[in-house]
């Protein structure tokens, strides 16, 4: 297998570590699940920002694999958690339009990320948790940047 393909395989599969494959892909699913469960007006309020965060972070994650010889997809679920934090703040403005289930799923996603971060704090060097926290921040920044075109349109 050529070197670039090996980096991609190792990155997506945690170099064959089944436990981390399960944890990390489950976290991505949990972070995305509220958007898939949203219906009607909820979908409009939540928007499709998760698609942008997911795509941008996938590219960034792959870059990290090549640049730092890293493996895994934790930057993706971290960034989605950052998005979920800001959307929890946003949906406070819509108390009647957002179903309690969507709120609970967003909170559950953050709880799952917190538990995973605590777990990884104990089994990996601190740089792993620092990377996860940076991923949360980057997810928030990406969301903010995706909102900018709408802000400029409303001013004009």
N, C-alpha and C. Protein backbone atom coordinates (compact mmCIF):
# COMPACT_ATOMS: atom_id res chain seq x y z
N UNK A 1 0.86 -1.17 0.00
CA UNK A 1 0.00 0.00 0.00
C UNK A 1 0.90 1.23 0.00
N UNK A 2 0.55 2.24 -0.82
CA UNK A 2 1.41 3.43 -0.86
C UNK A 2 1.25 4.24 0.43
N UNK A 3 2.20 5.12 0.69
CA UNK A 3 2.28 5.83 1.97
C UNK A 3 1.06 6.71 2.25
N UNK A 4 0.58 7.44 1.25
CA UNK A 4 -0.58 8.32 1.45
C UNK A 4 -1.83 7.53 1.79
N UNK A 5 -2.03 6.44 1.08
CA UNK A 5 -3.19 5.60 1.37
C UNK A 5 -3.09 5.00 2.77
N UNK A 6 -1.89 4.63 3.18
CA UNK A 6 -1.69 4.08 4.53
C UNK A 6 -2.03 5.11 5.60
N UNK A 7 -1.65 6.37 5.37
CA UNK A 7 -1.98 7.44 6.32
C UNK A 7 -3.49 7.58 6.44
N UNK A 8 -4.20 7.53 5.32
CA UNK A 8 -5.66 7.64 5.34
C UNK A 8 -6.30 6.46 6.06
N UNK A 9 -5.86 5.27 5.76
CA UNK A 9 -6.41 4.08 6.42
C UNK A 9 -6.15 4.14 7.91
N UNK A 10 -4.91 4.47 8.29
CA UNK A 10 -4.57 4.58 9.71
C UNK A 10 -5.40 5.66 10.39
N UNK A 11 -5.59 6.77 9.70
CA UNK A 11 -6.35 7.88 10.27
C UNK A 11 -7.79 7.52 10.53
N UNK A 12 -8.44 6.92 9.54
CA UNK A 12 -9.85 6.57 9.69
C UNK A 12 -10.08 5.39 10.63
N UNK A 13 -9.06 4.54 10.80
CA UNK A 13 -9.25 3.31 11.60
C UNK A 13 -8.47 3.29 12.91
N UNK A 14 -7.93 4.43 13.31
CA UNK A 14 -7.15 4.48 14.55
C UNK A 14 -6.08 3.40 14.59
N UNK A 15 -5.50 3.17 13.43
CA UNK A 15 -4.46 2.14 13.28
C UNK A 15 -4.93 0.78 13.81
N UNK A 16 -6.22 0.52 13.60
CA UNK A 16 -6.79 -0.77 13.96
C UNK A 16 -7.24 -0.91 15.40
N UNK A 17 -7.28 0.16 16.16
CA UNK A 17 -7.71 0.09 17.56
C UNK A 17 -9.23 0.13 17.62
N UNK A 18 -9.82 -1.02 17.76
CA UNK A 18 -11.28 -1.19 17.67
C UNK A 18 -12.01 -0.36 18.71
N UNK A 19 -11.51 -0.31 19.94
CA UNK A 19 -12.17 0.46 20.99
C UNK A 19 -12.30 1.93 20.59
N UNK A 20 -11.24 2.50 20.06
CA UNK A 20 -11.26 3.92 19.70
C UNK A 20 -12.08 4.17 18.44
N UNK A 21 -12.11 3.20 17.56
CA UNK A 21 -13.01 3.30 16.40
C UNK A 21 -14.45 3.42 16.90
N UNK A 22 -14.83 2.52 17.79
CA UNK A 22 -16.19 2.52 18.34
C UNK A 22 -16.53 3.81 19.06
N UNK A 23 -15.66 4.23 19.96
CA UNK A 23 -15.91 5.44 20.75
C UNK A 23 -16.07 6.66 19.84
N UNK A 24 -15.14 6.84 18.94
CA UNK A 24 -15.10 8.08 18.16
C UNK A 24 -16.18 8.17 17.10
N UNK A 25 -16.46 7.08 16.41
CA UNK A 25 -17.54 7.14 15.42
C UNK A 25 -18.90 7.21 16.09
N UNK A 26 -19.03 6.60 17.27
CA UNK A 26 -20.27 6.74 18.03
C UNK A 26 -20.46 8.20 18.46
N UNK A 27 -19.39 8.86 18.87
CA UNK A 27 -19.49 10.27 19.25
C UNK A 27 -19.91 11.15 18.07
N UNK A 28 -19.39 10.88 16.90
CA UNK A 28 -19.82 11.64 15.72
C UNK A 28 -21.32 11.42 15.50
N UNK A 29 -21.76 10.18 15.57
CA UNK A 29 -23.18 9.86 15.40
C UNK A 29 -24.02 10.59 16.45
N UNK A 30 -23.61 10.53 17.71
CA UNK A 30 -24.36 11.18 18.78
C UNK A 30 -24.43 12.69 18.58
N UNK A 31 -23.34 13.29 18.13
CA UNK A 31 -23.33 14.75 17.90
C UNK A 31 -24.20 15.15 16.71
N UNK A 32 -24.34 14.27 15.74
CA UNK A 32 -25.15 14.58 14.56
C UNK A 32 -26.62 14.20 14.71
N UNK A 33 -26.92 13.29 15.61
CA UNK A 33 -28.27 12.74 15.75
C UNK A 33 -29.35 13.81 15.96
N UNK A 34 -29.11 14.86 16.77
CA UNK A 34 -30.17 15.87 16.94
C UNK A 34 -30.62 16.51 15.62
N UNK A 35 -29.69 16.69 14.68
CA UNK A 35 -30.03 17.32 13.41
C UNK A 35 -30.88 16.38 12.55
N UNK A 36 -30.60 15.10 12.65
CA UNK A 36 -31.36 14.12 11.88
C UNK A 36 -32.75 13.91 12.46
N UNK A 37 -32.92 14.17 13.74
CA UNK A 37 -34.22 13.99 14.39
C UNK A 37 -35.10 15.24 14.29
N UNK A 38 -34.51 16.37 13.96
CA UNK A 38 -35.27 17.62 13.87
C UNK A 38 -36.27 17.54 12.72
N UNK A 39 -37.41 18.18 12.94
CA UNK A 39 -38.46 18.17 11.92
C UNK A 39 -38.98 19.60 11.71
N UNK A 40 -39.43 19.87 10.49
CA UNK A 40 -40.08 21.13 10.17
C UNK A 40 -39.30 22.36 10.59
N UNK A 41 -39.93 23.17 11.43
CA UNK A 41 -39.34 24.44 11.87
C UNK A 41 -38.03 24.23 12.63
N UNK A 42 -37.92 23.10 13.33
CA UNK A 42 -36.67 22.80 14.05
C UNK A 42 -35.49 22.73 13.09
N UNK A 43 -35.70 22.08 11.95
CA UNK A 43 -34.64 21.98 10.95
C UNK A 43 -34.21 23.36 10.47
N UNK A 44 -35.19 24.24 10.29
CA UNK A 44 -34.89 25.60 9.83
C UNK A 44 -34.09 26.35 10.88
N UNK A 45 -34.48 26.24 12.14
CA UNK A 45 -33.80 26.95 13.22
C UNK A 45 -32.38 26.42 13.41
N UNK A 46 -32.23 25.10 13.42
CA UNK A 46 -30.90 24.51 13.60
C UNK A 46 -30.02 24.72 12.38
N UNK A 47 -30.64 24.77 11.23
CA UNK A 47 -29.89 24.97 9.99
C UNK A 47 -29.11 23.72 9.59
N UNK A 48 -28.34 23.89 8.55
CA UNK A 48 -27.51 22.79 8.05
C UNK A 48 -26.03 23.06 8.31
N UNK A 49 -25.77 23.81 9.34
CA UNK A 49 -24.39 24.17 9.67
C UNK A 49 -23.54 22.94 9.96
N UNK A 50 -24.20 21.89 10.44
CA UNK A 50 -23.46 20.67 10.76
C UNK A 50 -22.75 20.11 9.53
N UNK A 51 -23.33 20.31 8.36
CA UNK A 51 -22.70 19.81 7.13
C UNK A 51 -21.39 20.57 6.87
N UNK A 52 -21.43 21.88 7.03
CA UNK A 52 -20.22 22.68 6.84
C UNK A 52 -19.15 22.34 7.85
N UNK A 53 -19.53 22.22 9.12
CA UNK A 53 -18.56 21.87 10.15
C UNK A 53 -17.97 20.49 9.87
N UNK A 54 -18.82 19.55 9.52
CA UNK A 54 -18.36 18.19 9.24
C UNK A 54 -17.36 18.17 8.08
N UNK A 55 -17.68 18.84 6.99
CA UNK A 55 -16.80 18.84 5.81
C UNK A 55 -15.49 19.57 6.08
N UNK A 56 -15.57 20.73 6.69
CA UNK A 56 -14.34 21.49 6.98
C UNK A 56 -13.45 20.72 7.94
N UNK A 57 -14.05 20.14 8.96
CA UNK A 57 -13.25 19.41 9.95
C UNK A 57 -12.70 18.11 9.38
N UNK A 58 -13.39 17.49 8.46
CA UNK A 58 -12.85 16.30 7.81
C UNK A 58 -11.56 16.65 7.07
N UNK A 59 -11.58 17.75 6.34
CA UNK A 59 -10.37 18.20 5.63
C UNK A 59 -9.26 18.53 6.63
N UNK A 60 -9.61 19.26 7.68
CA UNK A 60 -8.61 19.61 8.70
C UNK A 60 -8.06 18.37 9.39
N UNK A 61 -8.94 17.41 9.70
CA UNK A 61 -8.51 16.17 10.35
C UNK A 61 -7.52 15.41 9.47
N UNK A 62 -7.82 15.31 8.19
CA UNK A 62 -6.91 14.61 7.28
C UNK A 62 -5.58 15.34 7.19
N UNK A 63 -5.62 16.66 7.15
CA UNK A 63 -4.37 17.43 7.15
C UNK A 63 -3.54 17.11 8.39
N UNK A 64 -4.18 17.01 9.55
CA UNK A 64 -3.47 16.69 10.79
C UNK A 64 -2.84 15.30 10.71
N UNK A 65 -3.53 14.35 10.08
CA UNK A 65 -2.94 13.00 9.94
C UNK A 65 -1.62 13.08 9.20
N UNK A 66 -1.59 13.84 8.12
CA UNK A 66 -0.37 13.93 7.31
C UNK A 66 0.69 14.80 7.98
N UNK A 67 0.27 15.88 8.61
CA UNK A 67 1.23 16.82 9.20
C UNK A 67 1.83 16.32 10.51
N UNK A 68 1.03 15.62 11.30
CA UNK A 68 1.47 15.24 12.65
C UNK A 68 1.55 13.73 12.87
N UNK A 69 1.35 12.95 11.83
CA UNK A 69 1.35 11.49 11.96
C UNK A 69 0.34 11.04 13.02
N UNK A 70 -0.80 11.70 13.04
CA UNK A 70 -1.86 11.38 14.00
C UNK A 70 -2.84 10.40 13.38
N UNK A 71 -3.72 9.89 14.19
CA UNK A 71 -4.77 9.00 13.71
C UNK A 71 -6.06 9.34 14.45
N UNK A 72 -7.19 9.09 13.82
CA UNK A 72 -8.47 9.29 14.48
C UNK A 72 -9.28 10.45 13.93
N UNK A 73 -10.50 10.53 14.43
CA UNK A 73 -11.46 11.52 13.96
C UNK A 73 -11.97 12.41 15.10
N UNK A 74 -11.21 12.51 16.16
CA UNK A 74 -11.69 13.23 17.34
C UNK A 74 -11.86 14.73 17.11
N UNK A 75 -11.11 15.30 16.19
CA UNK A 75 -11.32 16.73 15.92
C UNK A 75 -12.71 16.97 15.33
N UNK A 76 -13.24 15.98 14.63
CA UNK A 76 -14.56 16.13 14.02
C UNK A 76 -15.63 16.17 15.10
N UNK A 77 -15.64 15.18 16.01
CA UNK A 77 -16.68 15.22 17.05
C UNK A 77 -16.48 16.38 18.01
N UNK A 78 -15.24 16.79 18.21
CA UNK A 78 -15.00 17.96 19.06
C UNK A 78 -15.62 19.22 18.43
N UNK A 79 -15.40 19.41 17.15
CA UNK A 79 -15.95 20.58 16.47
C UNK A 79 -17.48 20.53 16.44
N UNK A 80 -18.04 19.35 16.25
CA UNK A 80 -19.50 19.22 16.29
C UNK A 80 -20.04 19.57 17.68
N UNK A 81 -19.28 19.22 18.71
CA UNK A 81 -19.67 19.59 20.08
C UNK A 81 -19.66 21.12 20.22
N UNK A 82 -18.65 21.76 19.65
CA UNK A 82 -18.62 23.23 19.67
C UNK A 82 -19.84 23.83 19.00
N UNK A 83 -20.21 23.28 17.87
CA UNK A 83 -21.43 23.71 17.18
C UNK A 83 -22.65 23.49 18.07
N UNK A 84 -22.73 22.33 18.70
CA UNK A 84 -23.89 22.01 19.54
C UNK A 84 -23.99 22.95 20.74
N UNK A 85 -22.86 23.36 21.30
CA UNK A 85 -22.88 24.32 22.41
C UNK A 85 -23.54 25.62 21.94
N UNK A 86 -23.09 26.13 20.81
CA UNK A 86 -23.64 27.41 20.33
C UNK A 86 -25.10 27.28 19.91
N UNK A 87 -25.47 26.13 19.37
CA UNK A 87 -26.87 25.96 18.98
C UNK A 87 -27.77 25.83 20.22
N UNK A 88 -27.24 25.27 21.29
CA UNK A 88 -28.03 25.26 22.54
C UNK A 88 -28.29 26.68 23.02
N UNK A 89 -27.32 27.55 22.85
CA UNK A 89 -27.52 28.96 23.20
C UNK A 89 -28.56 29.58 22.26
N UNK A 90 -28.43 29.30 20.98
CA UNK A 90 -29.35 29.87 19.99
C UNK A 90 -30.79 29.44 20.22
N UNK A 91 -31.01 28.17 20.51
CA UNK A 91 -32.39 27.69 20.60
C UNK A 91 -33.10 28.18 21.86
N UNK A 92 -32.38 28.80 22.76
CA UNK A 92 -33.04 29.43 23.91
C UNK A 92 -33.96 30.56 23.44
N UNK A 93 -33.68 31.09 22.24
CA UNK A 93 -34.51 32.15 21.68
C UNK A 93 -35.82 31.61 21.10
N UNK A 94 -35.91 30.30 20.98
CA UNK A 94 -37.08 29.65 20.37
C UNK A 94 -37.66 28.60 21.31
N UNK A 95 -38.17 29.03 22.48
CA UNK A 95 -38.63 28.04 23.46
C UNK A 95 -39.80 27.18 22.98
N UNK A 96 -40.64 27.73 22.12
CA UNK A 96 -41.82 26.98 21.69
C UNK A 96 -41.60 26.19 20.41
N UNK A 97 -40.61 26.58 19.62
CA UNK A 97 -40.41 25.95 18.32
C UNK A 97 -39.52 24.70 18.36
N UNK A 98 -38.73 24.56 19.41
CA UNK A 98 -37.81 23.43 19.49
C UNK A 98 -38.34 22.40 20.48
N UNK A 99 -38.53 21.20 19.99
CA UNK A 99 -39.02 20.09 20.79
C UNK A 99 -38.04 19.77 21.92
N UNK A 100 -38.56 19.34 23.06
CA UNK A 100 -37.71 18.99 24.21
C UNK A 100 -36.72 17.88 23.84
N UNK A 101 -37.12 16.97 22.95
CA UNK A 101 -36.24 15.88 22.55
C UNK A 101 -34.96 16.41 21.89
N UNK A 102 -35.09 17.40 21.04
CA UNK A 102 -33.93 17.97 20.36
C UNK A 102 -32.99 18.62 21.38
N UNK A 103 -33.55 19.35 22.32
CA UNK A 103 -32.74 19.95 23.38
C UNK A 103 -32.00 18.86 24.17
N UNK A 104 -32.72 17.82 24.52
CA UNK A 104 -32.12 16.73 25.30
C UNK A 104 -31.02 16.02 24.51
N UNK A 105 -31.25 15.82 23.22
CA UNK A 105 -30.22 15.18 22.39
C UNK A 105 -28.98 16.05 22.28
N UNK A 106 -29.15 17.36 22.16
CA UNK A 106 -28.00 18.26 22.12
C UNK A 106 -27.23 18.20 23.45
N UNK A 107 -27.96 18.24 24.57
CA UNK A 107 -27.30 18.12 25.88
C UNK A 107 -26.62 16.77 26.03
N UNK A 108 -27.29 15.71 25.59
CA UNK A 108 -26.69 14.38 25.69
C UNK A 108 -25.40 14.29 24.88
N UNK A 109 -25.38 14.94 23.71
CA UNK A 109 -24.16 14.91 22.90
C UNK A 109 -23.00 15.57 23.64
N UNK A 110 -23.29 16.65 24.34
CA UNK A 110 -22.24 17.33 25.11
C UNK A 110 -21.78 16.49 26.30
N UNK A 111 -22.71 15.81 26.93
CA UNK A 111 -22.35 14.91 28.03
C UNK A 111 -21.46 13.77 27.52
N UNK A 112 -21.81 13.21 26.38
CA UNK A 112 -21.01 12.12 25.80
C UNK A 112 -19.60 12.60 25.46
N UNK A 113 -19.49 13.80 24.92
CA UNK A 113 -18.17 14.36 24.60
C UNK A 113 -17.37 14.61 25.88
N UNK A 114 -18.03 15.11 26.90
CA UNK A 114 -17.35 15.35 28.17
C UNK A 114 -16.81 14.04 28.76
N UNK A 115 -17.63 13.00 28.75
CA UNK A 115 -17.20 11.70 29.26
C UNK A 115 -16.01 11.17 28.46
N UNK A 116 -16.08 11.30 27.15
CA UNK A 116 -14.98 10.84 26.30
C UNK A 116 -13.71 11.64 26.58
N UNK A 117 -13.84 12.95 26.73
CA UNK A 117 -12.67 13.77 27.01
C UNK A 117 -12.04 13.41 28.36
N UNK A 118 -12.86 13.14 29.34
CA UNK A 118 -12.33 12.71 30.64
C UNK A 118 -11.60 11.38 30.49
N UNK A 119 -12.21 10.45 29.77
CA UNK A 119 -11.57 9.16 29.53
C UNK A 119 -10.23 9.34 28.83
N UNK A 120 -10.19 10.13 27.76
CA UNK A 120 -8.96 10.32 27.02
C UNK A 120 -7.92 11.11 27.83
N UNK A 121 -8.38 11.95 28.75
CA UNK A 121 -7.45 12.66 29.62
C UNK A 121 -6.60 11.66 30.42
N UNK A 122 -7.23 10.57 30.84
CA UNK A 122 -6.54 9.58 31.67
C UNK A 122 -5.70 8.58 30.88
N UNK A 123 -6.06 8.32 29.63
CA UNK A 123 -5.31 7.28 28.90
C UNK A 123 -4.31 7.81 27.88
N UNK A 124 -4.43 9.08 27.51
CA UNK A 124 -3.50 9.66 26.54
C UNK A 124 -2.80 10.88 27.14
N UNK A 125 -1.73 11.32 26.51
CA UNK A 125 -1.06 12.53 26.99
C UNK A 125 -2.01 13.74 26.94
N UNK A 126 -1.75 14.74 27.78
CA UNK A 126 -2.63 15.93 27.83
C UNK A 126 -2.83 16.62 26.49
N UNK A 127 -1.89 16.49 25.57
CA UNK A 127 -2.03 17.14 24.27
C UNK A 127 -3.30 16.67 23.54
N UNK A 128 -3.73 15.44 23.83
CA UNK A 128 -4.95 14.92 23.21
C UNK A 128 -6.16 15.73 23.66
N UNK A 129 -6.26 15.96 24.96
CA UNK A 129 -7.38 16.75 25.48
C UNK A 129 -7.29 18.19 25.01
N UNK A 130 -6.09 18.73 24.93
CA UNK A 130 -5.90 20.09 24.42
C UNK A 130 -6.38 20.16 22.97
N UNK A 131 -6.07 19.13 22.18
CA UNK A 131 -6.54 19.09 20.79
C UNK A 131 -8.06 19.02 20.73
N UNK A 132 -8.67 18.26 21.64
CA UNK A 132 -10.14 18.18 21.66
C UNK A 132 -10.75 19.53 22.00
N UNK A 133 -10.17 20.22 22.99
CA UNK A 133 -10.67 21.54 23.35
C UNK A 133 -10.49 22.53 22.20
N UNK A 134 -9.37 22.43 21.52
CA UNK A 134 -9.14 23.28 20.34
C UNK A 134 -10.18 22.97 19.27
N UNK A 135 -10.51 21.69 19.09
CA UNK A 135 -11.53 21.30 18.12
C UNK A 135 -12.89 21.90 18.45
N UNK A 136 -13.23 21.92 19.74
CA UNK A 136 -14.50 22.53 20.16
C UNK A 136 -14.50 24.01 19.77
N UNK A 137 -13.40 24.70 20.05
CA UNK A 137 -13.28 26.11 19.71
C UNK A 137 -13.37 26.32 18.20
N UNK A 138 -12.69 25.49 17.44
CA UNK A 138 -12.71 25.61 15.97
C UNK A 138 -14.13 25.40 15.44
N UNK A 139 -14.86 24.44 16.01
CA UNK A 139 -16.25 24.25 15.61
C UNK A 139 -17.09 25.49 15.83
N UNK A 140 -16.85 26.16 16.96
CA UNK A 140 -17.57 27.41 17.25
C UNK A 140 -17.19 28.49 16.24
N UNK A 141 -15.92 28.58 15.93
CA UNK A 141 -15.46 29.60 14.97
C UNK A 141 -16.04 29.33 13.58
N UNK A 142 -16.04 28.08 13.17
CA UNK A 142 -16.60 27.74 11.85
C UNK A 142 -18.08 28.15 11.79
N UNK A 143 -18.82 27.83 12.84
CA UNK A 143 -20.23 28.22 12.89
C UNK A 143 -20.36 29.74 12.78
N UNK A 144 -19.55 30.46 13.55
CA UNK A 144 -19.59 31.92 13.50
C UNK A 144 -19.29 32.45 12.11
N UNK A 145 -18.31 31.88 11.46
CA UNK A 145 -17.96 32.31 10.10
C UNK A 145 -19.07 32.00 9.10
N UNK A 146 -19.76 30.89 9.31
CA UNK A 146 -20.86 30.56 8.41
C UNK A 146 -22.05 31.48 8.60
N UNK A 147 -22.15 32.11 9.77
CA UNK A 147 -23.24 33.06 10.02
C UNK A 147 -22.98 34.43 9.40
N UNK A 148 -21.72 34.75 9.14
CA UNK A 148 -21.36 36.09 8.66
C UNK A 148 -22.10 36.52 7.39
N UNK A 149 -22.21 35.68 6.36
CA UNK A 149 -22.93 36.14 5.16
C UNK A 149 -24.36 36.58 5.47
N UNK A 150 -25.03 35.89 6.37
CA UNK A 150 -26.39 36.27 6.75
C UNK A 150 -26.43 37.58 7.49
N UNK A 151 -25.44 37.84 8.32
CA UNK A 151 -25.35 39.10 9.06
C UNK A 151 -25.18 40.26 8.08
N UNK A 152 -24.29 40.09 7.10
CA UNK A 152 -24.06 41.15 6.12
C UNK A 152 -25.29 41.38 5.24
N UNK A 153 -26.00 40.31 4.89
CA UNK A 153 -27.22 40.47 4.07
C UNK A 153 -28.28 41.25 4.83
N UNK A 154 -28.43 41.01 6.13
CA UNK A 154 -29.46 41.69 6.90
C UNK A 154 -29.17 43.16 7.07
N UNK A 155 -27.90 43.56 7.06
CA UNK A 155 -27.55 44.97 7.23
C UNK A 155 -27.85 45.79 5.98
N UNK A 156 -27.87 45.16 4.83
CA UNK A 156 -28.07 45.89 3.59
C UNK A 156 -29.48 45.81 3.12
